[in-house]
Amino acid sequence: MRHAIGHGGRATCTARPSSPLTTRFLGGLFAAANRDWMALAVIFVMGSVWAAAYQRTGTLRWAVASHMLVDLGNLAVPVFMGLYIPPHLA
């Protein structure tokens, strides 16, 4: 992976794109895990907001930070509500 100075003097990654096989595998895995149309609608809205944040700020910092908060919330809420008990606590 090489780094180069890009737009606005920021470092940009110039890594090679992934192989078509990897892209199809990950796309299929995502599609299998998200079959519900309501989930896809929510994912589309969240992705659109993160894309808008990236376009507005020019950095992935805020999109990645908010994605981490969403993922943390998705993991923590079922535990806090008692809907899921981790195996090591049962």
Protein backbone atom coordinates (compact mmCIF):
# COMPACT_ATOMS: atom_id res chain seq x y z
CA MET A 1 0.00 0.00 0.00
CA ARG A 2 1.46 3.33 -1.04
CA HIS A 3 0.54 6.75 0.25
CA ALA A 4 0.62 9.89 -1.85
CA ILE A 5 -0.21 13.53 -1.30
CA GLY A 6 -3.68 14.14 -2.72
CA HIS A 7 -6.33 16.83 -2.81
CA GLY A 8 -5.69 19.65 -0.38
CA GLY A 9 -2.27 18.33 0.63
CA ARG A 10 -3.76 15.35 2.50
CA ALA A 11 -2.25 11.90 2.29
CA THR A 12 -4.31 9.49 0.19
CA CYS A 13 -4.13 5.73 -0.09
CA THR A 14 -3.33 4.31 -3.51
CA ALA A 15 -3.92 0.64 -2.74
CA ARG A 16 -5.00 -1.71 -5.50
CA PRO A 17 -8.73 -2.42 -5.74
CA SER A 18 -9.96 -5.74 -4.39
CA SER A 19 -10.54 -8.68 -6.70
CA PRO A 20 -13.99 -9.25 -8.26
CA LEU A 21 -14.25 -12.55 -6.39
CA THR A 22 -13.74 -10.84 -3.03
CA THR A 23 -16.24 -8.13 -3.90
CA ARG A 24 -18.88 -10.68 -4.93
CA PHE A 25 -18.30 -12.77 -1.81
CA LEU A 26 -18.66 -9.80 0.53
CA GLY A 27 -21.67 -8.49 -1.40
CA GLY A 28 -23.35 -11.90 -1.17
CA LEU A 29 -22.57 -12.17 2.53
CA PHE A 30 -24.05 -8.72 3.13
CA ALA A 31 -27.16 -9.55 1.08
CA ALA A 32 -27.69 -12.82 2.96
CA ALA A 33 -27.43 -11.07 6.32
CA ASN A 34 -29.74 -8.17 5.39
CA ARG A 35 -32.77 -9.69 3.65
CA ASP A 36 -35.39 -7.52 5.34
CA TRP A 37 -36.47 -4.50 3.23
CA MET A 38 -36.79 -2.33 6.35
CA ALA A 39 -33.19 -3.08 7.34
CA LEU A 40 -32.03 -2.24 3.82
CA ALA A 41 -33.92 1.06 3.96
CA VAL A 42 -32.23 1.98 7.25
CA ILE A 43 -28.82 0.94 5.93
CA PHE A 44 -29.40 3.05 2.80
CA VAL A 45 -30.28 6.12 4.88
CA MET A 46 -27.28 5.67 7.19
CA GLY A 47 -24.97 5.18 4.21
CA SER A 48 -26.36 8.31 2.57
CA VAL A 49 -25.78 10.35 5.73
CA TRP A 50 -22.21 9.07 6.02
CA ALA A 51 -21.58 9.82 2.34
CA ALA A 52 -22.93 13.35 2.81
CA ALA A 53 -20.70 13.81 5.87
CA TYR A 54 -17.71 12.70 3.84
CA GLN A 55 -18.55 15.05 0.97
CA ARG A 56 -19.09 17.96 3.33
CA THR A 57 -15.97 17.47 5.45
CA GLY A 58 -13.62 15.82 2.94
CA THR A 59 -12.50 13.32 5.57
CA LEU A 60 -13.69 9.89 6.65
CA ARG A 61 -13.00 10.69 10.31
CA TRP A 62 -16.60 11.61 11.22
CA ALA A 63 -18.22 8.87 9.16
CA VAL A 64 -15.99 6.22 10.73
CA ALA A 65 -16.49 7.62 14.25
CA SER A 66 -20.28 7.65 13.92
CA HIS A 67 -20.23 4.17 12.34
CA MET A 68 -18.31 2.93 15.40
CA LEU A 69 -20.92 4.48 17.71
CA VAL A 70 -23.76 2.85 15.75
CA ASP A 71 -22.02 -0.53 15.88
CA LEU A 72 -21.37 -0.17 19.61
CA GLY A 73 -25.03 0.70 20.16
CA ASN A 74 -26.19 -2.25 18.06
CA LEU A 75 -24.09 -4.58 20.19
CA ALA A 76 -24.84 -3.01 23.57
CA VAL A 77 -28.61 -2.37 23.42
CA PRO A 78 -29.73 -6.04 23.36
CA VAL A 79 -27.43 -6.77 26.30
CA PHE A 80 -28.67 -3.80 28.34
CA MET A 81 -32.29 -4.70 27.63
CA GLY A 82 -31.72 -8.29 28.74
CA LEU A 83 -32.56 -9.65 25.28
CA TYR A 84 -29.15 -11.24 24.93
CA ILE A 85 -26.90 -12.67 27.62
CA PRO A 86 -23.30 -13.24 26.54
CA PRO A 87 -22.33 -16.92 26.94
CA HIS A 88 -19.55 -16.18 29.42
CA LEU A 89 -22.08 -14.41 31.73
CA ALA A 90 -24.82 -17.06 31.59
